[in-house]
PDB file of N, CA and C in Angstrom:
ATOM      1  N   MET A   1      44.582  89.930  92.351  1.00  0.00           N
ATOM      2  CA  MET A   1      46.001  90.967  91.586  1.00  0.00           C
ATOM      3  C   MET A   1      46.592  90.284  90.701  1.00  0.00           C
ATOM      4  N   SER A   2      46.439  91.567  89.146  1.00  0.00           N
ATOM      5  CA  SER A   2      47.998  90.198  88.709  1.00  0.00           C
ATOM      6  C   SER A   2      48.383  91.477  88.036  1.00  0.00           C
ATOM      7  N   GLU A   3      48.845  91.979  88.698  1.00  0.00           N
ATOM      8  CA  GLU A   3      49.049  93.784  88.271  1.00  0.00           C
ATOM      9  C   GLU A   3      50.674  93.227  88.710  1.00  0.00           C
ATOM     10  N   VAL A   4      51.846  93.563  87.999  1.00  0.00           N
ATOM     11  CA  VAL A   4      53.431  94.271  88.470  1.00  0.00           C
ATOM     12  C   VAL A   4      53.473  94.870  89.224  1.00  0.00           C
ATOM     13  N   THR A   5      54.410  94.998  91.166  1.00  0.00           N
ATOM     14  CA  THR A   5      54.183  96.363  91.709  1.00  0.00           C
ATOM     15  C   THR A   5      55.565  95.917  91.405  1.00  0.00           C
ATOM     16  N   GLU A   6      56.043  97.527  92.377  1.00  0.00           N
ATOM     17  CA  GLU A   6      57.600  97.628  91.841  1.00  0.00           C
ATOM     18  C   GLU A   6      58.064  96.481  94.097  1.00  0.00           C
ATOM     19  N   GLU A   7      56.542  96.258  94.896  1.00  0.00           N
ATOM     20  CA  GLU A   7      56.449  95.567  95.916  1.00  0.00           C
ATOM     21  C   GLU A   7      57.595  94.750  95.441  1.00  0.00           C
ATOM     22  N   ILE A   8      56.056  93.491  94.619  1.00  0.00           N
ATOM     23  CA  ILE A   8      56.107  92.286  93.984  1.00  0.00           C
ATOM     24  C   ILE A   8      58.013  92.498  93.572  1.00  0.00           C
ATOM     25  N   LYS A   9      58.262  93.503  92.859  1.00  0.00           N
ATOM     26  CA  LYS A   9      59.241  92.803  92.346  1.00  0.00           C
ATOM     27  C   LYS A   9      60.772  92.849  93.126  1.00  0.00           C
ATOM     28  N   GLN A  10      60.740  93.837  94.133  1.00  0.00           N
ATOM     29  CA  GLN A  10      61.436  94.127  95.293  1.00  0.00           C
ATOM     30  C   GLN A  10      61.749  92.593  95.978  1.00  0.00           C
ATOM     31  N   LYS A  11      60.858  92.617  96.375  1.00  0.00           N
ATOM     32  CA  LYS A  11      60.571  91.278  96.833  1.00  0.00           C
ATOM     33  C   LYS A  11      61.367  89.907  96.043  1.00  0.00           C
ATOM     34  N   ILE A  12      61.670  89.625  95.090  1.00  0.00           N
ATOM     35  CA  ILE A  12      62.305  89.333  94.301  1.00  0.00           C
ATOM     36  C   ILE A  12      63.983  89.068  94.684  1.00  0.00           C
ATOM     37  N   VAL A  13      64.503  90.769  94.258  1.00  0.00           N
ATOM     38  CA  VAL A  13      65.233  90.807  94.048  1.00  0.00           C
ATOM     39  C   VAL A  13      65.567  90.122  95.977  1.00  0.00           C
ATOM     40  N   ASP A  14      65.449  89.877  96.619  1.00  0.00           N
ATOM     41  CA  ASP A  14      65.624  90.349  97.746  1.00  0.00           C
ATOM     42  C   ASP A  14      65.249  88.906  98.214  1.00  0.00           C
ATOM     43  N   TYR A  15      64.638  88.506  97.523  1.00  0.00           N
ATOM     44  CA  TYR A  15      65.009  86.771  97.735  1.00  0.00           C
ATOM     45  C   TYR A  15      65.942  86.367  96.932  1.00  0.00           C
ATOM     46  N   LEU A  16      66.312  85.749  95.774  1.00  0.00           N
ATOM     47  CA  LEU A  16      67.676  85.852  95.067  1.00  0.00           C
ATOM     48  C   LEU A  16      68.619  86.254  96.580  1.00  0.00           C
ATOM     49  N   LYS A  17      68.435  87.465  96.277  1.00  0.00           N
ATOM     50  CA  LYS A  17      70.153  87.364  97.155  1.00  0.00           C
ATOM     51  C   LYS A  17      69.933  86.739  98.472  1.00  0.00           C
ATOM     52  N   LYS A  18      68.800  86.728  99.317  1.00  0.00           N
ATOM     53  CA  LYS A  18      68.610  85.730 100.076  1.00  0.00           C
ATOM     54  C   LYS A  18      70.030  83.423  99.806  1.00  0.00           C
ATOM     55  N   VAL A  19      68.328  83.619  98.912  1.00  0.00           N
ATOM     56  CA  VAL A  19      69.256  82.593  98.219  1.00  0.00           C
ATOM     57  C   VAL A  19      70.491  82.143  97.984  1.00  0.00           C
ATOM     58  N   GLY A  20      71.162  83.197  97.463  1.00  0.00           N
ATOM     59  CA  GLY A  20      72.828  83.359  97.696  1.00  0.00           C
ATOM     60  C   GLY A  20      72.997  82.079  95.925  1.00  0.00           C
ATOM     61  N   ARG A  21      72.199  81.567  95.514  1.00  0.00           N
ATOM     62  CA  ARG A  21      71.885  80.815  93.986  1.00  0.00           C
ATOM     63  C   ARG A  21      70.885  81.553  92.611  1.00  0.00           C
ATOM     64  N   SER A  22      71.691  80.521  91.958  1.00  0.00           N
ATOM     65  CA  SER A  22      70.231  80.747  90.734  1.00  0.00           C
ATOM     66  C   SER A  22      68.820  80.017  90.973  1.00  0.00           C
ATOM     67  N   VAL A  23      67.741  80.103  90.506  1.00  0.00           N
ATOM     68  CA  VAL A  23      66.283  79.072  90.481  1.00  0.00           C
ATOM     69  C   VAL A  23      65.812  79.252  89.972  1.00  0.00           C
ATOM     70  N   THR A  24      64.871  78.887  89.815  1.00  0.00           N
ATOM     71  CA  THR A  24      63.427  78.939  89.136  1.00  0.00           C
ATOM     72  C   THR A  24      62.387  79.865  89.239  1.00  0.00           C
ATOM     73  N   SER A  25      61.379  80.853  88.146  1.00  0.00           N
ATOM     74  CA  SER A  25      60.804  81.066  89.064  1.00  0.00           C
ATOM     75  C   SER A  25      59.757  80.817  89.476  1.00  0.00           C
ATOM     76  N   ARG A  26      59.292  79.188  88.950  1.00  0.00           N
ATOM     77  CA  ARG A  26      58.283  78.324  89.646  1.00  0.00           C
ATOM     78  C   ARG A  26      59.639  78.052  91.258  1.00  0.00           C
ATOM     79  N   ASP A  27      59.869  78.429  91.581  1.00  0.00           N
ATOM     80  CA  ASP A  27      60.978  78.314  93.040  1.00  0.00           C
ATOM     81  C   ASP A  27      60.539  79.323  93.967  1.00  0.00           C
ATOM     82  N   VAL A  28      60.349  80.481  92.700  1.00  0.00           N
ATOM     83  CA  VAL A  28      60.396  82.287  93.851  1.00  0.00           C
ATOM     84  C   VAL A  28      58.705  82.174  93.979  1.00  0.00           C
ATOM     85  N   ALA A  29      57.702  81.780  92.706  1.00  0.00           N
ATOM     86  CA  ALA A  29      56.399  82.256  93.652  1.00  0.00           C
ATOM     87  C   ALA A  29      56.011  81.335  94.208  1.00  0.00           C
ATOM     88  N   LYS A  30      56.707  80.328  94.212  1.00  0.00           N
ATOM     89  CA  LYS A  30      56.623  78.914  95.992  1.00  0.00           C
ATOM     90  C   LYS A  30      55.890  79.671  97.078  1.00  0.00           C
ATOM     91  N   ALA A  31      58.267  79.988  97.010  1.00  0.00           N
ATOM     92  CA  ALA A  31      58.291  81.413  98.571  1.00  0.00           C
ATOM     93  C   ALA A  31      57.624  81.771  98.197  1.00  0.00           C
ATOM     94  N   LEU A  32      58.099  83.151  97.712  1.00  0.00           N
ATOM     95  CA  LEU A  32      57.012  84.577  98.043  1.00  0.00           C
ATOM     96  C   LEU A  32      55.496  83.944  98.164  1.00  0.00           C
ATOM     97  N   LYS A  33      54.653  83.287  97.614  1.00  0.00           N
ATOM     98  CA  LYS A  33      53.232  83.230  97.167  1.00  0.00           C
ATOM     99  C   LYS A  33      52.661  83.775  96.581  1.00  0.00           C
ATOM    100  N   LEU A  34      53.549  83.614  95.494  1.00  0.00           N
ATOM    101  CA  LEU A  34      52.426  83.928  93.925  1.00  0.00           C
ATOM    102  C   LEU A  34      52.421  83.833  93.174  1.00  0.00           C
ATOM    103  N   GLU A  35      51.039  84.452  92.292  1.00  0.00           N
ATOM    104  CA  GLU A  35      50.705  83.189  90.613  1.00  0.00           C
ATOM    105  C   GLU A  35      52.454  82.741  90.379  1.00  0.00           C
ATOM    106  N   LYS A  36      52.657  81.629  88.955  1.00  0.00           N
ATOM    107  CA  LYS A  36      53.319  82.071  88.014  1.00  0.00           C
ATOM    108  C   LYS A  36      53.379  82.285  87.353  1.00  0.00           C
ATOM    109  N   LYS A  37      52.944  83.405  87.059  1.00  0.00           N
ATOM    110  CA  LYS A  37      52.331  84.559  85.367  1.00  0.00           C
ATOM    111  C   LYS A  37      52.605  85.794  86.078  1.00  0.00           C
ATOM    112  N   ILE A  38      52.631  86.324  87.450  1.00  0.00           N
ATOM    113  CA  ILE A  38      53.049  87.820  87.497  1.00  0.00           C
ATOM    114  C   ILE A  38      54.147  87.093  87.638  1.00  0.00           C
ATOM    115  N   VAL A  39      55.241  86.675  88.621  1.00  0.00           N
ATOM    116  CA  VAL A  39      56.066  86.088  89.078  1.00  0.00           C
ATOM    117  C   VAL A  39      56.991  86.289  87.292  1.00  0.00           C
ATOM    118  N   ASP A  40      56.680  85.521  86.261  1.00  0.00           N
ATOM    119  CA  ASP A  40      56.953  85.754  85.187  1.00  0.00           C
ATOM    120  C   ASP A  40      57.614  87.178  84.723  1.00  0.00           C
ATOM    121  N   LYS A  41      56.598  87.658  84.688  1.00  0.00           N
ATOM    122  CA  LYS A  41      55.486  89.188  84.138  1.00  0.00           C
ATOM    123  C   LYS A  41      57.020  89.876  85.242  1.00  0.00           C
ATOM    124  N   ALA A  42      56.998  90.213  86.022  1.00  0.00           N
ATOM    125  CA  ALA A  42      58.355  90.864  87.143  1.00  0.00           C
ATOM    126  C   ALA A  42      59.428  90.291  86.628  1.00  0.00           C
ATOM    127  N   VAL A  43      60.029  88.816  87.308  1.00  0.00           N
ATOM    128  CA  VAL A  43      61.256  88.673  86.047  1.00  0.00           C
ATOM    129  C   VAL A  43      61.614  89.581  84.838  1.00  0.00           C
ATOM    130  N   ALA A  44      60.966  89.052  83.893  1.00  0.00           N
ATOM    131  CA  ALA A  44      61.087  89.242  82.891  1.00  0.00           C
ATOM    132  C   ALA A  44      61.301  91.392  83.235  1.00  0.00           C
ATOM    133  N   GLU A  45      61.026  92.355  83.628  1.00  0.00           N
ATOM    134  CA  GLU A  45      61.374  93.436  83.668  1.00  0.00           C
ATOM    135  C   GLU A  45      62.396  93.443  84.671  1.00  0.00           C
ATOM    136  N   LEU A  46      62.818  93.117  85.194  1.00  0.00           N
ATOM    137  CA  LEU A  46      64.092  93.127  86.619  1.00  0.00           C
ATOM    138  C   LEU A  46      64.636  92.844  85.553  1.00  0.00           C
ATOM    139  N   VAL A  47      64.848  91.559  83.861  1.00  0.00           N
ATOM    140  CA  VAL A  47      66.326  91.145  83.454  1.00  0.00           C
ATOM    141  C   VAL A  47      65.756  92.148  82.286  1.00  0.00           C
ATOM    142  N   ASN A  48      65.353  93.295  82.426  1.00  0.00           N
ATOM    143  CA  ASN A  48      65.871  94.123  81.094  1.00  0.00           C
ATOM    144  C   ASN A  48      66.147  95.098  81.556  1.00  0.00           C
ATOM    145  N   GLU A  49      65.576  95.902  82.916  1.00  0.00           N
ATOM    146  CA  GLU A  49      66.057  96.053  83.518  1.00  0.00           C
ATOM    147  C   GLU A  49      67.463  95.999  84.136  1.00  0.00           C
ATOM    148  N   GLY A  50      67.408  95.070  84.350  1.00  0.00           N
ATOM    149  CA  GLY A  50      69.249  94.975  84.362  1.00  0.00           C
ATOM    150  C   GLY A  50      69.946  94.047  85.883  1.00  0.00           C
ATOM    151  N   LYS A  51      68.433  94.300  86.324  1.00  0.00           N
ATOM    152  CA  LYS A  51      68.808  94.170  87.898  1.00  0.00           C
ATOM    153  C   LYS A  51      68.329  92.213  88.670  1.00  0.00           C
ATOM    154  N   ILE A  52      68.590  91.364  87.902  1.00  0.00           N
ATOM    155  CA  ILE A  52      68.092  90.110  87.624  1.00  0.00           C
ATOM    156  C   ILE A  52      69.263  89.715  86.011  1.00  0.00           C
ATOM    157  N   GLU A  53      69.184  88.279  86.183  1.00  0.00           N
ATOM    158  CA  GLU A  53      69.966  87.858  84.247  1.00  0.00           C
ATOM    159  C   GLU A  53      69.292  85.760  84.216  1.00  0.00           C
ATOM    160  N   TYR A  54      68.385  85.743  83.514  1.00  0.00           N
ATOM    161  CA  TYR A  54      68.902  84.118  83.392  1.00  0.00           C
ATOM    162  C   TYR A  54      69.840  84.061  82.759  1.00  0.00           C
ATOM    163  N   VAL A  55      69.968  82.852  83.850  1.00  0.00           N
ATOM    164  CA  VAL A  55      70.839  81.541  83.518  1.00  0.00           C
ATOM    165  C   VAL A  55      70.625  80.372  82.829  1.00  0.00           C
ATOM    166  N   SER A  56      70.953  79.764  81.727  1.00  0.00           N
ATOM    167  CA  SER A  56      70.459  77.930  81.251  1.00  0.00           C
ATOM    168  C   SER A  56      71.190  77.149  81.536  1.00  0.00           C
ATOM    169  N   PHE A  57      70.610  76.364  83.087  1.00  0.00           N
ATOM    170  CA  PHE A  57      71.292  74.603  82.431  1.00  0.00           C
ATOM    171  C   PHE A  57      70.748  73.581  81.646  1.00  0.00           C
ATOM    172  N   GLY A  58      70.991  72.796  80.619  1.00  0.00           N
ATOM    173  CA  GLY A  58      70.171  72.017  80.033  1.00  0.00           C
ATOM    174  C   GLY A  58      68.627  72.000  80.397  1.00  0.00           C
ATOM    175  N   GLY A  59      68.793  73.115  79.149  1.00  0.00           N
ATOM    176  CA  GLY A  59      67.325  72.849  78.836  1.00  0.00           C
ATOM    177  C   GLY A  59      66.105  73.777  79.602  1.00  0.00           C
ATOM    178  N   GLU A  60      67.325  74.450  81.214  1.00  0.00           N
ATOM    179  CA  GLU A  60      65.682  74.861  82.449  1.00  0.00           C
ATOM    180  C   GLU A  60      66.349  76.078  82.127  1.00  0.00           C
ATOM    181  N   THR A  61      65.552  76.883  82.900  1.00  0.00           N
ATOM    182  CA  THR A  61      65.685  78.713  82.590  1.00  0.00           C
ATOM    183  C   THR A  61      65.783  78.221  83.545  1.00  0.00           C
ATOM    184  N   ARG A  62      66.588  79.273  84.516  1.00  0.00           N
ATOM    185  CA  ARG A  62      66.740  79.714  86.152  1.00  0.00           C
ATOM    186  C   ARG A  62      67.328  81.307  86.128  1.00  0.00           C
ATOM    187  N   ILE A  63      67.107  81.575  87.699  1.00  0.00           N
ATOM    188  CA  ILE A  63      67.486  83.695  87.526  1.00  0.00           C
ATOM    189  C   ILE A  63      68.152  83.403  88.358  1.00  0.00           C
ATOM    190  N   LYS A  64      69.182  84.946  88.487  1.00  0.00           N
ATOM    191  CA  LYS A  64      69.981  84.947  89.466  1.00  0.00           C
ATOM    192  C   LYS A  64      70.008  86.613  89.735  1.00  0.00           C
ATOM    193  N   ILE A  65      71.001  87.006  90.815  1.00  0.00           N
ATOM    194  CA  ILE A  65      71.350  88.667  90.602  1.00  0.00           C
ATOM    195  C   ILE A  65      72.604  88.485  90.156  1.00  0.00           C
ATOM    196  N   PRO A  66      72.825  89.063  88.899  1.00  0.00           N
ATOM    197  CA  PRO A  66      73.831  89.913  88.464  1.00  0.00           C
ATOM    198  C   PRO A  66      75.475  88.941  88.779  1.00  0.00           C
ATOM    199  N   GLU A  67      76.280  89.043  89.150  1.00  0.00           N
ATOM    200  CA  GLU A  67      77.991  88.550  89.161  1.00  0.00           C
ATOM    201  C   GLU A  67      78.366  90.043  88.914  1.00  0.00           C
ATOM    202  N   ALA A  68      78.664  90.131  90.293  1.00  0.00           N
ATOM    203  CA  ALA A  68      79.776  91.271  90.686  1.00  0.00           C
ATOM    204  C   ALA A  68      80.512  91.905  88.889  1.00  0.00           C
ATOM    205  N   SER A  69      80.449  93.579  88.017  1.00  0.00           N
ATOM    206  CA  SER A  69      81.857  92.919  87.464  1.00  0.00           C
ATOM    207  C   SER A  69      82.478  94.243  88.255  1.00  0.00           C
ATOM    208  N   GLU A  70      83.990  93.369  87.663  1.00  0.00           N
ATOM    209  CA  GLU A  70      85.151  94.098  88.266  1.00  0.00           C
ATOM    210  C   GLU A  70      85.676  94.883  86.910  1.00  0.00           C
TER     211      GLU A  70
END
């Protein structure tokens, strides 16, 4: 299975909401028992859709749910 599905993307969004902090795509892959390359591809699609965002900490790229803008 090397296809990014809506189900995988939803699991990633749900996981990010559950942990409530920024995490690496490696953390997500490990937690959801998915291949990292699948997670990376799904994350890129979710970022393009505006559902999640990248954040950088000292050379490490992490992902998180965007803050609600008021």
